[in-house]
Amino acid sequence: MRADYLWNARESLPRQIALAPLCLIEAPYRLGAWAHRSVFRSGLRKRVRLDPCIVSIGNLCVGGSGKTPLAGWLASELRARGRGVAILSRGVGGRRQHETSVVSDGERVLLGSADVGDEPVLLAGRARGVPVLAGRNRVALGLRAAALFGPEILILDDGFQHHRLARDLDLVCLDARLGLGNRHVLPRGPLRESIGALRYADAVVWTRIPPDAKTLPPLPAAAADKPEYGIEMVARGLRRVGAGGLAPVSSLRGQKIGLLAAIARPDRLRGELVALGAEIAVERFFADHHRYRRSDLASLDPGIPWVTTEKDAVKIPASWVASATLSVLEEEVRPWGTGHLIDLVLERVQRRRAER
């Protein structure tokens, strides 16, 4: 059975019966997540408070909720307003993931995806002028960022389930198209912890708002009193791997293409390309955070153009696709509606200043 069962909000009785054994694993997973959060909230384990203001961007569900693009956008917006900011990323899959690494000093990208994984390198490219650090020890990352760059604000990418580092603002991303799926915790559903954990968020950010949406989705009861914001992910063009310049997304209309991706929700990318008018002729999918090898690209059919994501592209040297045409679908974050997320962040920064 494919993992798309995670996102079926309505399940038939036969499906519920078939998936019932997973509840035996769901219960201890749910309990473990609750216990991990509780030991820090109760003070049994102390949180570390750093001098910069800490803004966490996290999610409740597994898979791509848009938190990393949001982190890059928010860092760029804060820098444009004259704020000193750095990004802390966990990094997945790199050979230096257990180290505390400076991926970008704000001027140069110093490490590649083989060293620290795809997301820190993607962030370094999206948030120009913003230092990016990667590693599993977020406290060590924060201390090093503070020592090297003296930022006023640290953005913690994927931080909602990380409790050791105290933060001043917890933003939780929810995909507006997928919601909370079947509302079960892993492995029975897509949740990292129970829905009740949303009560500890400071705000909910609905991501990937559909183009025709008039209102935001209804908030879960646990977050009913939270401020909510929305962002769109807008396709802005196609860039050939290893080349500059953007081709308009209208060039996809009526064209047969191949789809290459190693992301959590490749069906989302498929849907976006189909909505842009492309016809998917062939697909090559790998596990999320897959580290590409030259052999993975050697079999790409040179007779059709291929499209991949920005997250994938940071792991693919141009020389590996010399015989095929591979383009990157570039997207940008745009605020949706009238709420101004950046104002909430700046208000929290100001509050932290006043408390010192």
Protein backbone atom coordinates (compact mmCIF):
# COMPACT_ATOMS: atom_id res chain seq x y z
CA MET A 1 0.00 0.00 0.00
CA ARG A 2 1.41 3.39 -1.02
CA ALA A 3 1.99 6.12 1.54
CA ASP A 4 -0.71 8.30 -0.04
CA TYR A 5 -3.12 6.72 2.48
CA LEU A 6 -1.65 9.20 4.97
CA TRP A 7 -3.46 12.07 3.30
CA ASN A 8 -6.90 10.55 2.77
CA ALA A 9 -9.10 12.57 5.11
CA ARG A 10 -12.02 10.22 4.48
CA GLU A 11 -11.28 6.52 4.78
CA SER A 12 -13.62 3.70 3.92
CA LEU A 13 -14.36 1.06 6.54
CA PRO A 14 -12.31 -1.63 4.70
CA ARG A 15 -9.33 0.74 4.59
CA GLN A 16 -9.66 1.51 8.29
CA ILE A 17 -9.69 -2.20 9.08
CA ALA A 18 -6.69 -2.86 6.85
CA LEU A 19 -4.69 -0.08 8.52
CA ALA A 20 -5.77 -0.87 12.10
CA PRO A 21 -2.53 -2.77 12.94
CA LEU A 22 -0.58 0.45 12.43
CA CYS A 23 -2.40 1.90 15.44
CA LEU A 24 -0.32 -0.43 17.62
CA ILE A 25 2.76 1.50 16.52
CA GLU A 26 1.02 4.87 16.41
CA ALA A 27 0.23 4.84 20.12
CA PRO A 28 3.83 4.59 21.42
CA TYR A 29 5.00 7.07 18.77
CA ARG A 30 2.36 9.56 19.91
CA LEU A 31 3.31 8.98 23.55
CA GLY A 32 7.01 9.44 22.81
CA ALA A 33 6.41 12.75 21.04
CA TRP A 34 4.23 13.95 23.93
CA ALA A 35 6.83 12.91 26.52
CA HIS A 36 9.67 14.60 24.63
CA ARG A 37 7.78 17.89 24.51
CA SER A 38 6.58 17.55 28.12
CA VAL A 39 9.99 17.12 29.74
CA PHE A 40 11.05 20.50 28.36
CA ARG A 41 7.77 22.29 29.04
CA SER A 42 7.75 21.05 32.63
CA GLY A 43 11.33 22.15 33.25
CA LEU A 44 12.67 18.63 33.85
CA ARG A 45 15.08 19.44 31.05
CA LYS A 46 16.21 23.01 30.65
CA ARG A 47 15.93 24.94 27.45
CA VAL A 48 18.87 27.00 26.31
CA ARG A 49 18.17 30.70 25.75
CA LEU A 50 20.48 32.48 23.32
CA ASP A 51 20.99 36.21 22.94
CA PRO A 52 19.46 36.56 19.42
CA CYS A 53 15.70 36.36 18.95
CA ILE A 54 14.81 32.81 17.82
CA VAL A 55 12.08 32.36 15.20
CA SER A 56 11.19 28.72 14.55
CA ILE A 57 9.51 27.59 11.35
CA GLY A 58 8.20 24.05 11.65
CA ASN A 59 5.35 21.77 10.72
CA LEU A 60 3.07 19.16 12.20
CA CYS A 61 3.01 16.81 9.21
CA VAL A 62 5.74 14.88 7.47
CA GLY A 63 6.63 15.80 3.93
CA GLY A 64 7.05 19.07 2.13
CA SER A 65 4.92 21.71 3.84
CA GLY A 66 6.85 24.65 2.39
CA LYS A 67 8.70 25.49 5.60
CA THR A 68 12.14 25.72 3.96
CA PRO A 69 11.06 28.16 1.20
CA LEU A 70 9.26 30.16 3.90
CA ALA A 71 12.43 30.28 6.01
CA GLY A 72 14.42 31.58 3.05
CA TRP A 73 11.78 34.18 2.17
CA LEU A 74 11.44 35.38 5.76
CA ALA A 75 15.22 35.72 6.14
CA SER A 76 15.42 37.76 2.92
CA GLU A 77 12.55 40.01 3.99
CA LEU A 78 14.14 40.67 7.40
CA ARG A 79 17.49 41.44 5.81
CA ALA A 80 15.80 43.84 3.36
CA ARG A 81 14.46 45.68 6.43
CA GLY A 82 17.97 46.09 7.81
CA ARG A 83 17.84 43.27 10.35
CA GLY A 84 20.82 41.05 11.02
CA VAL A 85 19.67 37.48 10.48
CA ALA A 86 21.10 33.97 10.09
CA ILE A 87 19.47 30.61 9.34
CA LEU A 88 19.98 27.40 11.29
CA SER A 89 19.19 24.23 9.34
CA ARG A 90 19.37 20.65 10.55
CA GLY A 91 20.65 19.32 7.23
CA VAL A 92 19.84 15.77 6.16
CA GLY A 93 22.04 13.28 4.35
CA GLY A 94 25.34 15.14 4.13
CA ARG A 95 28.60 13.63 5.26
CA ARG A 96 29.07 16.52 7.73
CA GLN A 97 25.57 16.38 9.23
CA HIS A 98 26.96 15.61 12.70
CA GLU A 99 29.21 18.69 12.60
CA THR A 100 28.47 22.39 13.08
CA SER A 101 29.06 23.79 9.61
CA VAL A 102 28.92 27.23 8.03
CA VAL A 103 27.24 26.60 4.68
CA SER A 104 27.23 30.25 3.64
CA ASP A 105 28.80 33.31 5.22
CA GLY A 106 26.28 35.52 3.44
CA GLU A 107 28.64 36.23 0.58
CA ARG A 108 29.87 32.82 -0.52
CA VAL A 109 28.39 29.33 -0.48
CA LEU A 110 31.14 27.36 1.23
CA LEU A 111 29.75 23.82 1.27
CA GLY A 112 27.73 21.66 -1.10
CA SER A 113 24.86 19.24 -0.74
CA ALA A 114 27.22 16.27 -0.39
CA ASP A 115 28.54 17.92 2.79
CA VAL A 116 25.37 19.17 4.48
CA GLY A 117 22.37 17.91 2.48
CA ASP A 118 20.09 19.70 0.06
CA GLU A 119 18.04 22.09 2.20
CA PRO A 120 20.90 24.21 3.68
CA VAL A 121 22.36 24.70 0.19
CA LEU A 122 18.93 25.59 -1.17
CA LEU A 123 18.52 28.14 1.64
CA ALA A 124 21.94 29.63 0.90
CA GLY A 125 20.82 30.18 -2.68
CA ARG A 126 17.40 31.58 -1.82
CA ALA A 127 18.47 33.94 0.99
CA ARG A 128 21.31 35.88 -0.57
CA GLY A 129 23.38 37.80 1.94
CA VAL A 130 22.17 35.69 4.89
CA PRO A 131 24.55 33.30 6.69
CA VAL A 132 23.35 29.69 6.77
CA LEU A 133 24.61 27.10 9.25
CA ALA A 134 23.81 23.38 9.32
CA GLY A 135 24.09 20.55 11.82
CA ARG A 136 22.08 18.44 14.22
CA ASN A 137 23.05 20.35 17.37
CA ARG A 138 20.90 23.47 17.09
CA VAL A 139 22.30 25.01 20.28
CA ALA A 140 25.85 24.69 18.94
CA LEU A 141 24.69 26.16 15.63
CA GLY A 142 23.11 29.13 17.38
CA LEU A 143 26.17 29.79 19.51
CA ARG A 144 28.46 29.66 16.49
CA ALA A 145 26.19 31.89 14.42
CA ALA A 146 26.05 34.44 17.26
CA ALA A 147 29.84 34.40 17.65
CA LEU A 148 30.67 34.67 13.94
CA PHE A 149 27.94 36.94 12.59
CA GLY A 150 26.27 38.67 15.56
CA PRO A 151 22.72 38.37 14.20
CA GLU A 152 19.73 39.97 15.86
CA ILE A 153 17.48 37.13 14.66
CA LEU A 154 18.09 33.42 14.16
CA ILE A 155 15.62 31.51 11.98
CA LEU A 156 15.35 27.87 13.00
CA ASP A 157 14.28 25.80 9.99
CA ASP A 158 12.20 22.73 10.93
CA GLY A 159 12.13 23.53 14.64
CA PHE A 160 8.66 22.74 16.01
CA GLN A 161 9.69 19.32 17.35
CA HIS A 162 13.08 20.57 18.54
CA HIS A 163 12.69 21.67 22.15
CA ARG A 164 16.16 22.22 23.61
CA LEU A 165 16.62 25.64 22.04
CA ALA A 166 14.21 28.22 23.48
CA ARG A 167 12.50 30.40 20.90
CA ASP A 168 10.56 33.61 20.86
CA LEU A 169 8.16 32.72 18.04
CA ASP A 170 6.91 29.32 16.87
CA LEU A 171 5.40 29.33 13.38
CA VAL A 172 3.78 26.09 12.21
CA CYS A 173 3.23 25.46 8.50
CA LEU A 174 0.22 23.51 7.25
CA ASP A 175 -0.25 22.67 3.57
CA ALA A 176 -3.55 24.29 2.56
CA ARG A 177 -4.23 21.59 -0.04
CA LEU A 178 -3.49 18.59 2.18
CA GLY A 179 -4.44 19.81 5.63
CA LEU A 180 -3.87 17.22 8.37
CA GLY A 181 -4.56 14.19 6.21
CA ASN A 182 -6.27 11.38 8.10
CA ARG A 183 -5.32 13.12 11.40
CA HIS A 184 -3.37 10.14 12.72
CA VAL A 185 0.20 10.14 14.03
CA LEU A 186 2.94 8.19 12.24
CA PRO A 187 2.92 5.55 10.87
CA ARG A 188 -0.89 5.41 10.73
CA GLY A 189 -1.03 8.99 9.49
CA PRO A 190 1.15 11.94 8.48
CA LEU A 191 1.43 13.71 11.86
CA ARG A 192 4.71 13.99 13.74
CA GLU A 193 2.77 14.48 16.96
CA SER A 194 -0.88 14.85 17.90
CA ILE A 195 -3.00 17.73 16.66
CA GLY A 196 -3.17 19.05 20.22
CA ALA A 197 0.46 20.20 19.90
CA LEU A 198 -0.80 23.11 17.81
CA ARG A 199 -1.79 24.84 21.04
CA TYR A 200 1.93 25.52 21.55
CA ALA A 201 2.31 27.34 18.23
CA ASP A 202 2.29 31.13 18.18
CA ALA A 203 0.79 31.26 14.69
CA VAL A 204 -0.25 28.98 11.83
CA VAL A 205 1.01 29.61 8.30
CA TRP A 206 -1.05 27.99 5.55
CA THR A 207 1.27 27.22 2.65
CA ARG A 208 0.64 26.46 -1.02
CA ILE A 209 -2.64 28.34 -1.10
CA PRO A 210 -4.50 27.35 -4.31
CA PRO A 211 -4.68 30.15 -6.91
CA ASP A 212 -8.48 30.24 -6.82
CA ALA A 213 -8.80 30.20 -3.00
CA LYS A 214 -10.99 32.93 -1.51
CA THR A 215 -10.49 32.06 2.16
CA LEU A 216 -8.04 30.14 4.32
CA PRO A 217 -8.95 26.60 5.44
CA PRO A 218 -10.61 26.28 8.87
CA LEU A 219 -8.17 26.07 11.74
CA PRO A 220 -8.09 22.89 13.86
CA ALA A 221 -9.73 23.36 17.25
CA ALA A 222 -6.37 23.23 19.04
CA ALA A 223 -5.26 26.33 17.10
CA ALA A 224 -8.60 28.15 16.97
CA ASP A 225 -7.26 31.14 18.91
CA LYS A 226 -4.02 31.46 16.91
CA PRO A 227 -3.32 34.13 14.31
CA GLU A 228 -3.11 32.66 10.84
CA TYR A 229 -1.36 33.68 7.64
CA GLY A 230 -1.12 32.36 4.11
CA ILE A 231 1.56 32.10 1.44
CA GLU A 232 1.46 31.05 -2.18
CA MET A 233 4.22 29.20 -4.01
CA VAL A 234 4.22 30.74 -7.48
CA ALA A 235 6.08 29.23 -10.44
CA ARG A 236 8.20 31.99 -11.92
CA GLY A 237 10.08 30.18 -14.68
CA LEU A 238 12.26 27.32 -15.91
CA ARG A 239 16.03 27.42 -15.72
CA ARG A 240 18.28 24.95 -17.48
CA VAL A 241 20.63 23.17 -15.05
CA GLY A 242 24.01 24.81 -15.40
CA ALA A 243 22.69 27.80 -17.35
CA GLY A 244 21.35 31.26 -16.57
CA GLY A 245 18.11 32.92 -17.56
CA LEU A 246 14.53 31.84 -17.10
CA ALA A 247 12.15 30.48 -19.72
CA PRO A 248 8.47 31.28 -19.11
CA VAL A 249 6.37 28.54 -17.59
CA SER A 250 4.01 28.98 -20.55
CA SER A 251 6.58 27.02 -22.58
CA LEU A 252 5.33 23.87 -20.80
CA ARG A 253 1.87 24.14 -22.29
CA GLY A 254 1.12 21.13 -24.49
CA GLN A 255 4.63 19.70 -24.08
CA LYS A 256 5.48 16.10 -23.16
CA ILE A 257 8.07 16.09 -20.40
CA GLY A 258 9.88 13.80 -18.00
CA LEU A 259 9.68 14.38 -14.26
CA LEU A 260 12.72 13.83 -12.01
CA ALA A 261 12.40 14.30 -8.26
CA ALA A 262 13.63 13.14 -4.86
CA ILE A 263 11.17 14.95 -2.60
CA ALA A 264 8.62 13.89 -0.01
CA ARG A 265 5.56 14.68 -2.16
CA PRO A 266 6.40 14.18 -5.86
CA ASP A 267 2.67 14.07 -6.63
CA ARG A 268 2.52 17.75 -5.67
CA LEU A 269 5.11 18.60 -8.32
CA ARG A 270 3.25 16.46 -10.85
CA GLY A 271 0.04 18.32 -10.14
CA GLU A 272 1.69 21.73 -10.52
CA LEU A 273 3.23 20.82 -13.87
CA VAL A 274 -0.03 19.38 -15.18
CA ALA A 275 -1.79 22.58 -14.07
CA LEU A 276 0.75 24.52 -16.13
CA GLY A 277 -0.28 22.53 -19.19
CA ALA A 278 2.50 19.92 -19.35
CA GLU A 279 1.90 16.27 -20.19
CA ILE A 280 3.93 13.92 -18.00
CA ALA A 281 5.34 11.23 -20.30
CA VAL A 282 7.68 9.52 -17.82
CA GLU A 283 8.61 9.83 -14.15
CA ARG A 284 11.75 9.02 -12.17
CA PHE A 285 11.27 9.35 -8.42
CA PHE A 286 13.73 8.70 -5.60
CA ALA A 287 13.41 8.83 -1.82
CA ASP A 288 13.36 12.25 -0.15
CA HIS A 289 16.88 13.72 0.27
CA HIS A 290 18.31 11.11 -2.13
CA ARG A 291 21.94 11.87 -2.97
CA TYR A 292 22.12 11.68 -6.74
CA ARG A 293 24.82 9.77 -8.58
CA ARG A 294 25.90 10.23 -12.16
CA SER A 295 24.33 6.89 -13.01
CA ASP A 296 20.92 8.19 -11.87
CA LEU A 297 21.00 10.74 -14.68
CA ALA A 298 22.59 8.58 -17.37
CA SER A 299 19.32 6.90 -18.29
CA LEU A 300 17.29 10.09 -18.79
CA ASP A 301 15.66 9.98 -22.21
CA PRO A 302 17.36 12.71 -24.29
CA GLY A 303 14.37 12.78 -26.61
CA ILE A 304 12.16 14.75 -24.19
CA PRO A 305 12.81 17.69 -21.85
CA TRP A 306 12.99 16.87 -18.14
CA VAL A 307 11.89 19.01 -15.22
CA THR A 308 13.05 18.84 -11.60
CA THR A 309 12.85 20.93 -8.42
CA GLU A 310 15.20 23.52 -6.93
CA LYS A 311 15.84 21.16 -4.04
CA ASP A 312 16.94 18.43 -6.46
CA ALA A 313 18.97 20.76 -8.65
CA VAL A 314 21.47 21.65 -5.91
CA LYS A 315 22.58 17.99 -5.99
CA ILE A 316 22.97 17.65 -9.77
CA PRO A 317 26.11 18.97 -11.53
CA ALA A 318 25.42 20.19 -15.05
CA SER A 319 28.04 17.79 -16.46
CA TRP A 320 25.90 14.82 -15.37
CA VAL A 321 23.05 15.76 -17.72
CA ALA A 322 25.03 16.69 -20.81
CA SER A 323 23.03 14.36 -23.06
CA ALA A 324 19.60 15.34 -21.72
CA THR A 325 17.71 18.59 -21.25
CA LEU A 326 16.98 19.13 -17.55
CA SER A 327 15.29 22.28 -16.32
CA VAL A 328 14.46 23.48 -12.82
CA LEU A 329 11.00 24.74 -11.95
CA GLU A 330 11.77 27.85 -9.91
CA GLU A 331 9.17 29.09 -7.44
CA GLU A 332 8.83 32.15 -5.26
CA VAL A 333 6.98 32.79 -2.03
CA ARG A 334 4.24 35.41 -2.05
CA PRO A 335 2.18 36.48 0.95
CA TRP A 336 -1.53 35.74 0.57
CA GLY A 337 -4.33 37.90 1.87
CA THR A 338 -4.10 40.93 4.13
CA GLY A 339 -2.19 39.52 7.11
CA HIS A 340 1.46 40.54 7.33
CA LEU A 341 3.60 37.78 8.80
CA ILE A 342 6.68 39.96 8.76
CA ASP A 343 4.94 42.40 11.13
CA LEU A 344 4.34 39.61 13.63
CA VAL A 345 8.01 38.65 13.53
CA LEU A 346 9.20 42.23 13.98
CA GLU A 347 6.78 42.75 16.86
CA ARG A 348 8.22 39.69 18.60
CA VAL A 349 11.78 40.93 17.99
CA GLN A 350 10.85 44.26 19.52
CA ARG A 351 9.33 42.54 22.55
CA ARG A 352 12.52 40.54 23.05
CA ARG A 353 14.57 43.74 22.92
CA ALA A 354 12.36 45.34 25.57
CA GLU A 355 12.79 42.35 27.89
CA ARG A 356 16.58 42.59 27.96
